[in-house]
Amino acid sequence: MVEKFLRAAIRGLIYYSTNRTGAVPILARNAKSSDDLAGKVYDLVKPALTPDGILNDDLQRRVMSPLLERIGRKDISIGRFFDFTLARKINAELKAEGSKP
């Protein structure tokens, strides 16, 4: 069930990040806003998206840094917090299938 959910989420992310024309009306409808406002939100969010839903090591460290500083621990491996094994597997399967957004 988790794999099916993650597969759908990754497919949605790929669609959203590669299809502004299709994504903006969906965003507007779900946010109950105008297409113009949804387009502005899309343009603001788009640069922060990863193409495959996986955070690189640098971004993982940047995400966790404030928490680790707050608890006074810098010696904890970031790998303990993130596991993209399943996301990598799904992305490889989608690529092998020739899946298009």
PDB file of N, CA and C in Angstrom:
ATOM      1  N   MET A   1       0.825  -1.181   0.000  1.00  0.00           N
ATOM      2  CA  MET A   1       0.000   0.000   0.000  1.00  0.00           C
ATOM      3  C   MET A   1       0.877   1.256   0.000  1.00  0.00           C
ATOM      4  N   VAL A   2       1.927   1.240   0.782  1.00  0.00           N
ATOM      5  CA  VAL A   2       2.829   2.391   0.836  1.00  0.00           C
ATOM      6  C   VAL A   2       3.478   2.602  -0.525  1.00  0.00           C
ATOM      7  N   GLU A   3       3.879   1.516  -1.161  1.00  0.00           N
ATOM      8  CA  GLU A   3       4.520   1.629  -2.465  1.00  0.00           C
ATOM      9  C   GLU A   3       3.544   2.206  -3.503  1.00  0.00           C
ATOM     10  N   LYS A   4       2.291   1.775  -3.473  1.00  0.00           N
ATOM     11  CA  LYS A   4       1.294   2.306  -4.401  1.00  0.00           C
ATOM     12  C   LYS A   4       1.074   3.800  -4.161  1.00  0.00           C
ATOM     13  N   PHE A   5       1.000   4.181  -2.897  1.00  0.00           N
ATOM     14  CA  PHE A   5       0.824   5.597  -2.569  1.00  0.00           C
ATOM     15  C   PHE A   5       2.016   6.409  -3.071  1.00  0.00           C
ATOM     16  N   LEU A   6       3.225   5.919  -2.787  1.00  0.00           N
ATOM     17  CA  LEU A   6       4.426   6.639  -3.185  1.00  0.00           C
ATOM     18  C   LEU A   6       4.540   6.712  -4.709  1.00  0.00           C
ATOM     19  N   ARG A   7       4.177   5.648  -5.401  1.00  0.00           N
ATOM     20  CA  ARG A   7       4.197   5.653  -6.863  1.00  0.00           C
ATOM     21  C   ARG A   7       3.261   6.751  -7.390  1.00  0.00           C
ATOM     22  N   ALA A   8       2.062   6.814  -6.845  1.00  0.00           N
ATOM     23  CA  ALA A   8       1.100   7.836  -7.283  1.00  0.00           C
ATOM     24  C   ALA A   8       1.625   9.238  -6.954  1.00  0.00           C
ATOM     25  N   ALA A   9       2.220   9.403  -5.786  1.00  0.00           N
ATOM     26  CA  ALA A   9       2.752  10.711  -5.394  1.00  0.00           C
ATOM     27  C   ALA A   9       3.890  11.140  -6.321  1.00  0.00           C
ATOM     28  N   ILE A  10       4.768  10.224  -6.670  1.00  0.00           N
ATOM     29  CA  ILE A  10       5.884  10.545  -7.560  1.00  0.00           C
ATOM     30  C   ILE A  10       5.366  10.871  -8.962  1.00  0.00           C
ATOM     31  N   ARG A  11       4.412  10.098  -9.443  1.00  0.00           N
ATOM     32  CA  ARG A  11       3.828  10.394 -10.749  1.00  0.00           C
ATOM     33  C   ARG A  11       3.175  11.785 -10.739  1.00  0.00           C
ATOM     34  N   GLY A  12       2.489  12.109  -9.648  1.00  0.00           N
ATOM     35  CA  GLY A  12       1.881  13.429  -9.516  1.00  0.00           C
ATOM     36  C   GLY A  12       2.929  14.527  -9.485  1.00  0.00           C
ATOM     37  N   LEU A  13       4.015  14.294  -8.776  1.00  0.00           N
ATOM     38  CA  LEU A  13       5.107  15.274  -8.704  1.00  0.00           C
ATOM     39  C   LEU A  13       5.720  15.487 -10.084  1.00  0.00           C
ATOM     40  N   ILE A  14       5.928  14.402 -10.813  1.00  0.00           N
ATOM     41  CA  ILE A  14       6.486  14.518 -12.163  1.00  0.00           C
ATOM     42  C   ILE A  14       5.529  15.308 -13.057  1.00  0.00           C
ATOM     43  N   TYR A  15       4.252  14.975 -12.979  1.00  0.00           N
ATOM     44  CA  TYR A  15       3.256  15.705 -13.776  1.00  0.00           C
ATOM     45  C   TYR A  15       3.264  17.183 -13.404  1.00  0.00           C
ATOM     46  N   TYR A  16       3.188  17.461 -12.111  1.00  0.00           N
ATOM     47  CA  TYR A  16       3.130  18.843 -11.633  1.00  0.00           C
ATOM     48  C   TYR A  16       4.356  19.635 -12.068  1.00  0.00           C
ATOM     49  N   SER A  17       5.527  19.035 -11.934  1.00  0.00           N
ATOM     50  CA  SER A  17       6.753  19.784 -12.185  1.00  0.00           C
ATOM     51  C   SER A  17       7.074  19.924 -13.676  1.00  0.00           C
ATOM     52  N   THR A  18       6.416  19.151 -14.538  1.00  0.00           N
ATOM     53  CA  THR A  18       6.719  19.218 -15.968  1.00  0.00           C
ATOM     54  C   THR A  18       5.550  19.723 -16.805  1.00  0.00           C
ATOM     55  N   ASN A  19       4.439  20.052 -16.177  1.00  0.00           N
ATOM     56  CA  ASN A  19       3.250  20.419 -16.937  1.00  0.00           C
ATOM     57  C   ASN A  19       2.531  21.600 -16.277  1.00  0.00           C
ATOM     58  N   ARG A  20       3.105  22.783 -16.424  1.00  0.00           N
ATOM     59  CA  ARG A  20       2.513  23.974 -15.799  1.00  0.00           C
ATOM     60  C   ARG A  20       1.079  24.193 -16.277  1.00  0.00           C
ATOM     61  N   THR A  21       0.859  24.027 -17.582  1.00  0.00           N
ATOM     62  CA  THR A  21      -0.465  24.266 -18.157  1.00  0.00           C
ATOM     63  C   THR A  21      -1.534  23.381 -17.527  1.00  0.00           C
ATOM     64  N   GLY A  22      -1.198  22.139 -17.257  1.00  0.00           N
ATOM     65  CA  GLY A  22      -2.158  21.237 -16.635  1.00  0.00           C
ATOM     66  C   GLY A  22      -2.229  21.388 -15.124  1.00  0.00           C
ATOM     67  N   ALA A  23      -1.099  21.744 -14.513  1.00  0.00           N
ATOM     68  CA  ALA A  23      -1.038  21.800 -13.051  1.00  0.00           C
ATOM     69  C   ALA A  23      -1.726  23.034 -12.467  1.00  0.00           C
ATOM     70  N   VAL A  24      -1.609  24.174 -13.139  1.00  0.00           N
ATOM     71  CA  VAL A  24      -2.156  25.423 -12.585  1.00  0.00           C
ATOM     72  C   VAL A  24      -3.668  25.346 -12.361  1.00  0.00           C
ATOM     73  N   PRO A  25      -4.466  24.871 -13.324  1.00  0.00           N
ATOM     74  CA  PRO A  25      -5.912  24.787 -13.064  1.00  0.00           C
ATOM     75  C   PRO A  25      -6.257  23.825 -11.914  1.00  0.00           C
ATOM     76  N   ILE A  26      -5.492  22.746 -11.800  1.00  0.00           N
ATOM     77  CA  ILE A  26      -5.729  21.809 -10.695  1.00  0.00           C
ATOM     78  C   ILE A  26      -5.402  22.485  -9.368  1.00  0.00           C
ATOM     79  N   LEU A  27      -4.282  23.191  -9.326  1.00  0.00           N
ATOM     80  CA  LEU A  27      -3.895  23.923  -8.124  1.00  0.00           C
ATOM     81  C   LEU A  27      -4.940  24.976  -7.776  1.00  0.00           C
ATOM     82  N   ALA A  28      -5.421  25.709  -8.763  1.00  0.00           N
ATOM     83  CA  ALA A  28      -6.434  26.750  -8.532  1.00  0.00           C
ATOM     84  C   ALA A  28      -7.711  26.141  -7.969  1.00  0.00           C
ATOM     85  N   ARG A  29      -8.135  25.033  -8.553  1.00  0.00           N
ATOM     86  CA  ARG A  29      -9.363  24.385  -8.088  1.00  0.00           C
ATOM     87  C   ARG A  29      -9.216  23.896  -6.642  1.00  0.00           C
ATOM     88  N   ASN A  30      -8.093  23.256  -6.344  1.00  0.00           N
ATOM     89  CA  ASN A  30      -7.897  22.727  -4.988  1.00  0.00           C
ATOM     90  C   ASN A  30      -7.662  23.811  -3.947  1.00  0.00           C
ATOM     91  N   ALA A  31      -7.058  24.915  -4.365  1.00  0.00           N
ATOM     92  CA  ALA A  31      -6.814  26.021  -3.437  1.00  0.00           C
ATOM     93  C   ALA A  31      -7.965  27.021  -3.433  1.00  0.00           C
ATOM     94  N   LYS A  32      -8.964  26.767  -4.296  1.00  0.00           N
ATOM     95  CA  LYS A  32     -10.102  27.677  -4.422  1.00  0.00           C
ATOM     96  C   LYS A  32      -9.615  29.103  -4.686  1.00  0.00           C
ATOM     97  N   SER A  33      -8.758  29.211  -5.716  1.00  0.00           N
ATOM     98  CA  SER A  33      -8.204  30.511  -6.079  1.00  0.00           C
ATOM     99  C   SER A  33      -8.320  30.707  -7.587  1.00  0.00           C
ATOM    100  N   SER A  34      -7.913  31.854  -8.041  1.00  0.00           N
ATOM    101  CA  SER A  34      -7.917  32.130  -9.477  1.00  0.00           C
ATOM    102  C   SER A  34      -6.733  31.422 -10.136  1.00  0.00           C
ATOM    103  N   ASP A  35      -6.860  31.213 -11.441  1.00  0.00           N
ATOM    104  CA  ASP A  35      -5.744  30.623 -12.186  1.00  0.00           C
ATOM    105  C   ASP A  35      -4.514  31.528 -12.123  1.00  0.00           C
ATOM    106  N   ASP A  36      -4.736  32.843 -12.112  1.00  0.00           N
ATOM    107  CA  ASP A  36      -3.622  33.789 -12.046  1.00  0.00           C
ATOM    108  C   ASP A  36      -2.831  33.620 -10.747  1.00  0.00           C
ATOM    109  N   LEU A  37      -3.544  33.558  -9.629  1.00  0.00           N
ATOM    110  CA  LEU A  37      -2.875  33.373  -8.340  1.00  0.00           C
ATOM    111  C   LEU A  37      -2.213  31.995  -8.277  1.00  0.00           C
ATOM    112  N   ALA A  38      -2.891  30.975  -8.753  1.00  0.00           N
ATOM    113  CA  ALA A  38      -2.309  29.624  -8.754  1.00  0.00           C
ATOM    114  C   ALA A  38      -1.041  29.590  -9.605  1.00  0.00           C
ATOM    115  N   GLY A  39      -1.036  30.314 -10.718  1.00  0.00           N
ATOM    116  CA  GLY A  39       0.156  30.383 -11.561  1.00  0.00           C
ATOM    117  C   GLY A  39       1.324  31.028 -10.833  1.00  0.00           C
ATOM    118  N   LYS A  40       1.036  32.057 -10.066  1.00  0.00           N
ATOM    119  CA  LYS A  40       2.093  32.717  -9.288  1.00  0.00           C
ATOM    120  C   LYS A  40       2.637  31.767  -8.210  1.00  0.00           C
ATOM    121  N   VAL A  41       1.743  31.036  -7.555  1.00  0.00           N
ATOM    122  CA  VAL A  41       2.166  30.067  -6.538  1.00  0.00           C
ATOM    123  C   VAL A  41       3.005  28.975  -7.196  1.00  0.00           C
ATOM    124  N   TYR A  42       2.532  28.475  -8.333  1.00  0.00           N
ATOM    125  CA  TYR A  42       3.271  27.444  -9.065  1.00  0.00           C
ATOM    126  C   TYR A  42       4.693  27.927  -9.358  1.00  0.00           C
ATOM    127  N   ASP A  43       4.808  29.141  -9.874  1.00  0.00           N
ATOM    128  CA  ASP A  43       6.116  29.681 -10.238  1.00  0.00           C
ATOM    129  C   ASP A  43       7.022  29.856  -9.024  1.00  0.00           C
ATOM    130  N   LEU A  44       6.446  30.151  -7.867  1.00  0.00           N
ATOM    131  CA  LEU A  44       7.243  30.273  -6.642  1.00  0.00           C
ATOM    132  C   LEU A  44       7.704  28.916  -6.122  1.00  0.00           C
ATOM    133  N   VAL A  45       6.842  27.914  -6.217  1.00  0.00           N
ATOM    134  CA  VAL A  45       7.134  26.593  -5.659  1.00  0.00           C
ATOM    135  C   VAL A  45       8.028  25.764  -6.581  1.00  0.00           C
ATOM    136  N   LYS A  46       7.871  25.921  -7.871  1.00  0.00           N
ATOM    137  CA  LYS A  46       8.566  25.075  -8.853  1.00  0.00           C
ATOM    138  C   LYS A  46      10.064  24.953  -8.613  1.00  0.00           C
ATOM    139  N   PRO A  47      10.801  26.031  -8.349  1.00  0.00           N
ATOM    140  CA  PRO A  47      12.248  25.887  -8.148  1.00  0.00           C
ATOM    141  C   PRO A  47      12.626  25.018  -6.939  1.00  0.00           C
ATOM    142  N   ALA A  48      11.726  24.866  -5.990  1.00  0.00           N
ATOM    143  CA  ALA A  48      12.031  24.078  -4.793  1.00  0.00           C
ATOM    144  C   ALA A  48      11.763  22.586  -4.988  1.00  0.00           C
ATOM    145  N   LEU A  49      11.120  22.221  -6.079  1.00  0.00           N
ATOM    146  CA  LEU A  49      10.790  20.815  -6.318  1.00  0.00           C
ATOM    147  C   LEU A  49      12.002  20.056  -6.831  1.00  0.00           C
ATOM    148  N   THR A  50      12.114  18.819  -6.393  1.00  0.00           N
ATOM    149  CA  THR A  50      13.130  17.943  -6.964  1.00  0.00           C
ATOM    150  C   THR A  50      12.471  17.169  -8.105  1.00  0.00           C
ATOM    151  N   PRO A  51      13.224  16.820  -9.142  1.00  0.00           N
ATOM    152  CA  PRO A  51      12.606  16.159 -10.291  1.00  0.00           C
ATOM    153  C   PRO A  51      12.088  14.754  -9.998  1.00  0.00           C
ATOM    154  N   ASP A  52      12.565  14.143  -8.928  1.00  0.00           N
ATOM    155  CA  ASP A  52      12.179  12.766  -8.642  1.00  0.00           C
ATOM    156  C   ASP A  52      11.679  12.542  -7.217  1.00  0.00           C
ATOM    157  N   GLY A  53      11.508  13.628  -6.466  1.00  0.00           N
ATOM    158  CA  GLY A  53      11.012  13.497  -5.099  1.00  0.00           C
ATOM    159  C   GLY A  53      12.068  13.081  -4.090  1.00  0.00           C
ATOM    160  N   ILE A  54      13.323  13.130  -4.502  1.00  0.00           N
ATOM    161  CA  ILE A  54      14.425  12.701  -3.634  1.00  0.00           C
ATOM    162  C   ILE A  54      15.310  13.896  -3.314  1.00  0.00           C
ATOM    163  N   LEU A  55      15.597  14.087  -2.034  1.00  0.00           N
ATOM    164  CA  LEU A  55      16.474  15.183  -1.616  1.00  0.00           C
ATOM    165  C   LEU A  55      17.922  14.730  -1.706  1.00  0.00           C
ATOM    166  N   ASN A  56      18.782  15.559  -2.304  1.00  0.00           N
ATOM    167  CA  ASN A  56      20.199  15.208  -2.347  1.00  0.00           C
ATOM    168  C   ASN A  56      20.803  15.375  -0.946  1.00  0.00           C
ATOM    169  N   ASP A  57      22.027  14.890  -0.766  1.00  0.00           N
ATOM    170  CA  ASP A  57      22.659  14.916   0.559  1.00  0.00           C
ATOM    171  C   ASP A  57      22.759  16.322   1.136  1.00  0.00           C
ATOM    172  N   ASP A  58      23.114  17.289   0.294  1.00  0.00           N
ATOM    173  CA  ASP A  58      23.247  18.666   0.770  1.00  0.00           C
ATOM    174  C   ASP A  58      21.913  19.197   1.291  1.00  0.00           C
ATOM    175  N   LEU A  59      20.850  18.968   0.549  1.00  0.00           N
ATOM    176  CA  LEU A  59      19.536  19.443   0.969  1.00  0.00           C
ATOM    177  C   LEU A  59      19.070  18.721   2.235  1.00  0.00           C
ATOM    178  N   GLN A  60      19.374  17.445   2.354  1.00  0.00           N
ATOM    179  CA  GLN A  60      19.028  16.713   3.580  1.00  0.00           C
ATOM    180  C   GLN A  60      19.713  17.344   4.790  1.00  0.00           C
ATOM    181  N   ARG A  61      20.994  17.675   4.630  1.00  0.00           N
ATOM    182  CA  ARG A  61      21.723  18.318   5.738  1.00  0.00           C
ATOM    183  C   ARG A  61      21.131  19.683   6.073  1.00  0.00           C
ATOM    184  N   ARG A  62      20.768  20.450   5.034  1.00  0.00           N
ATOM    185  CA  ARG A  62      20.191  21.777   5.267  1.00  0.00           C
ATOM    186  C   ARG A  62      18.838  21.681   5.969  1.00  0.00           C
ATOM    187  N   VAL A  63      18.060  20.673   5.645  1.00  0.00           N
ATOM    188  CA  VAL A  63      16.758  20.482   6.285  1.00  0.00           C
ATOM    189  C   VAL A  63      16.937  20.117   7.758  1.00  0.00           C
ATOM    190  N   MET A  64      17.887  19.249   8.040  1.00  0.00           N
ATOM    191  CA  MET A  64      18.050  18.742   9.409  1.00  0.00           C
ATOM    192  C   MET A  64      18.930  19.619  10.294  1.00  0.00           C
ATOM    193  N   SER A  65      19.737  20.485   9.718  1.00  0.00           N
ATOM    194  CA  SER A  65      20.686  21.291  10.480  1.00  0.00           C
ATOM    195  C   SER A  65      20.062  22.067  11.637  1.00  0.00           C
ATOM    196  N   PRO A  66      18.959  22.796  11.420  1.00  0.00           N
ATOM    197  CA  PRO A  66      18.384  23.546  12.547  1.00  0.00           C
ATOM    198  C   PRO A  66      17.955  22.639  13.713  1.00  0.00           C
ATOM    199  N   LEU A  67      17.406  21.485  13.384  1.00  0.00           N
ATOM    200  CA  LEU A  67      16.990  20.555  14.440  1.00  0.00           C
ATOM    201  C   LEU A  67      18.195  20.018  15.197  1.00  0.00           C
ATOM    202  N   LEU A  68      19.209  19.592  14.476  1.00  0.00           N
ATOM    203  CA  LEU A  68      20.396  19.041  15.127  1.00  0.00           C
ATOM    204  C   LEU A  68      21.106  20.089  15.976  1.00  0.00           C
ATOM    205  N   GLU A  69      21.138  21.339  15.497  1.00  0.00           N
ATOM    206  CA  GLU A  69      21.724  22.419  16.294  1.00  0.00           C
ATOM    207  C   GLU A  69      20.913  22.658  17.565  1.00  0.00           C
ATOM    208  N   ARG A  70      19.589  22.605  17.415  1.00  0.00           N
ATOM    209  CA  ARG A  70      18.710  22.851  18.564  1.00  0.00           C
ATOM    210  C   ARG A  70      18.893  21.811  19.669  1.00  0.00           C
ATOM    211  N   ILE A  71      19.096  20.560  19.266  1.00  0.00           N
ATOM    212  CA  ILE A  71      19.271  19.513  20.278  1.00  0.00           C
ATOM    213  C   ILE A  71      20.739  19.330  20.663  1.00  0.00           C
ATOM    214  N   GLY A  72      21.614  20.146  20.029  1.00  0.00           N
ATOM    215  CA  GLY A  72      23.027  20.101  20.379  1.00  0.00           C
ATOM    216  C   GLY A  72      23.740  18.867  19.872  1.00  0.00           C
ATOM    217  N   ARG A  73      23.284  18.298  18.781  1.00  0.00           N
ATOM    218  CA  ARG A  73      23.900  17.088  18.221  1.00  0.00           C
ATOM    219  C   ARG A  73      24.240  17.315  16.764  1.00  0.00           C
ATOM    220  N   LYS A  74      25.489  17.322  16.461  1.00  0.00           N
ATOM    221  CA  LYS A  74      25.912  17.447  15.066  1.00  0.00           C
ATOM    222  C   LYS A  74      26.536  16.146  14.580  1.00  0.00           C
ATOM    223  N   ASP A  75      26.656  15.180  15.479  1.00  0.00           N
ATOM    224  CA  ASP A  75      27.332  13.934  15.159  1.00  0.00           C
ATOM    225  C   ASP A  75      26.386  12.840  14.643  1.00  0.00           C
ATOM    226  N   ILE A  76      25.114  13.165  14.474  1.00  0.00           N
ATOM    227  CA  ILE A  76      24.129  12.182  14.025  1.00  0.00           C
ATOM    228  C   ILE A  76      24.154  12.113  12.497  1.00  0.00           C
ATOM    229  N   SER A  77      24.201  10.902  11.973  1.00  0.00           N
ATOM    230  CA  SER A  77      24.204  10.697  10.525  1.00  0.00           C
ATOM    231  C   SER A  77      22.849  11.090   9.935  1.00  0.00           C
ATOM    232  N   ILE A  78      22.882  11.882   8.888  1.00  0.00           N
ATOM    233  CA  ILE A  78      21.655  12.308   8.212  1.00  0.00           C
ATOM    234  C   ILE A  78      20.915  11.084   7.664  1.00  0.00           C
ATOM    235  N   GLY A  79      21.656  10.055   7.298  1.00  0.00           N
ATOM    236  CA  GLY A  79      21.059   8.834   6.772  1.00  0.00           C
ATOM    237  C   GLY A  79      20.071   8.179   7.729  1.00  0.00           C
ATOM    238  N   ARG A  80      20.138   8.521   8.992  1.00  0.00           N
ATOM    239  CA  ARG A  80      19.189   7.970   9.972  1.00  0.00           C
ATOM    240  C   ARG A  80      17.799   8.575   9.823  1.00  0.00           C
ATOM    241  N   PHE A  81      17.695   9.708   9.142  1.00  0.00           N
ATOM    242  CA  PHE A  81      16.427  10.410   9.023  1.00  0.00           C
ATOM    243  C   PHE A  81      15.752  10.231   7.668  1.00  0.00           C
ATOM    244  N   PHE A  82      16.541   9.976   6.647  1.00  0.00           N
ATOM    245  CA  PHE A  82      16.009   9.889   5.292  1.00  0.00           C
ATOM    246  C   PHE A  82      16.326   8.528   4.688  1.00  0.00           C
ATOM    247  N   ASP A  83      15.341   7.953   4.031  1.00  0.00           N
ATOM    248  CA  ASP A  83      15.550   6.711   3.306  1.00  0.00           C
ATOM    249  C   ASP A  83      14.748   6.787   2.010  1.00  0.00           C
ATOM    250  N   PHE A  84      15.440   7.015   0.932  1.00  0.00           N
ATOM    251  CA  PHE A  84      14.793   7.160  -0.368  1.00  0.00           C
ATOM    252  C   PHE A  84      14.899   5.890  -1.208  1.00  0.00           C
ATOM    253  N   THR A  85      15.171   4.765  -0.569  1.00  0.00           N
ATOM    254  CA  THR A  85      15.324   3.497  -1.283  1.00  0.00           C
ATOM    255  C   THR A  85      14.101   3.190  -2.136  1.00  0.00           C
ATOM    256  N   LEU A  86      12.930   3.259  -1.559  1.00  0.00           N
ATOM    257  CA  LEU A  86      11.707   2.936  -2.286  1.00  0.00           C
ATOM    258  C   LEU A  86      11.438   3.956  -3.390  1.00  0.00           C
ATOM    259  N   ALA A  87      11.690   5.225  -3.125  1.00  0.00           N
ATOM    260  CA  ALA A  87      11.495   6.260  -4.145  1.00  0.00           C
ATOM    261  C   ALA A  87      12.443   6.036  -5.318  1.00  0.00           C
ATOM    262  N   ARG A  88      13.684   5.649  -5.039  1.00  0.00           N
ATOM    263  CA  ARG A  88      14.632   5.367  -6.118  1.00  0.00           C
ATOM    264  C   ARG A  88      14.165   4.167  -6.949  1.00  0.00           C
ATOM    265  N   LYS A  89      13.667   3.139  -6.287  1.00  0.00           N
ATOM    266  CA  LYS A  89      13.165   1.947  -6.966  1.00  0.00           C
ATOM    267  C   LYS A  89      12.000   2.322  -7.889  1.00  0.00           C
ATOM    268  N   ILE A  90      11.063   3.093  -7.368  1.00  0.00           N
ATOM    269  CA  ILE A  90       9.885   3.493  -8.147  1.00  0.00           C
ATOM    270  C   ILE A  90      10.292   4.369  -9.321  1.00  0.00           C
ATOM    271  N   ASN A  91      11.196   5.306  -9.091  1.00  0.00           N
ATOM    272  CA  ASN A  91      11.667   6.160 -10.192  1.00  0.00           C
ATOM    273  C   ASN A  91      12.331   5.328 -11.285  1.00  0.00           C
ATOM    274  N   ALA A  92      13.120   4.332 -10.898  1.00  0.00           N
ATOM    275  CA  ALA A  92      13.767   3.459 -11.886  1.00  0.00           C
ATOM    276  C   ALA A  92      12.722   2.668 -12.665  1.00  0.00           C
ATOM    277  N   GLU A  93      11.697   2.179 -11.981  1.00  0.00           N
ATOM    278  CA  GLU A  93      10.629   1.434 -12.663  1.00  0.00           C
ATOM    279  C   GLU A  93       9.870   2.342 -13.629  1.00  0.00           C
ATOM    280  N   LEU A  94       9.540   3.536 -13.202  1.00  0.00           N
ATOM    281  CA  LEU A  94       8.821   4.474 -14.078  1.00  0.00           C
ATOM    282  C   LEU A  94       9.662   4.810 -15.311  1.00  0.00           C
ATOM    283  N   LYS A  95      10.952   4.996 -15.093  1.00  0.00           N
ATOM    284  CA  LYS A  95      11.839   5.306 -16.215  1.00  0.00           C
ATOM    285  C   LYS A  95      11.915   4.117 -17.164  1.00  0.00           C
ATOM    286  N   ALA A  96      12.037   2.900 -16.617  1.00  0.00           N
ATOM    287  CA  ALA A  96      12.119   1.697 -17.442  1.00  0.00           C
ATOM    288  C   ALA A  96      10.833   1.475 -18.239  1.00  0.00           C
ATOM    289  N   GLU A  97       9.700   1.842 -17.645  1.00  0.00           N
ATOM    290  CA  GLU A  97       8.407   1.704 -18.316  1.00  0.00           C
ATOM    291  C   GLU A  97       8.219   2.775 -19.395  1.00  0.00           C
ATOM    292  N   GLY A  98       9.104   3.774 -19.377  1.00  0.00           N
ATOM    293  CA  GLY A  98       8.948   4.886 -20.307  1.00  0.00           C
ATOM    294  C   GLY A  98       7.777   5.768 -19.930  1.00  0.00           C
ATOM    295  N   SER A  99       7.482   5.789 -18.636  1.00  0.00           N
ATOM    296  CA  SER A  99       6.346   6.559 -18.136  1.00  0.00           C
ATOM    297  C   SER A  99       6.503   8.029 -18.490  1.00  0.00           C
ATOM    298  N   LYS A 100       5.444   8.603 -18.972  1.00  0.00           N
ATOM    299  CA  LYS A 100       5.409  10.025 -19.315  1.00  0.00           C
ATOM    300  C   LYS A 100       4.468  10.732 -18.351  1.00  0.00           C
ATOM    301  N   PRO A 101       4.806  11.978 -18.012  1.00  0.00           N
ATOM    302  CA  PRO A 101       3.923  12.726 -17.102  1.00  0.00           C
ATOM    303  C   PRO A 101       2.574  13.006 -17.707  1.00  0.00           C
TER     304      PRO A 101
END
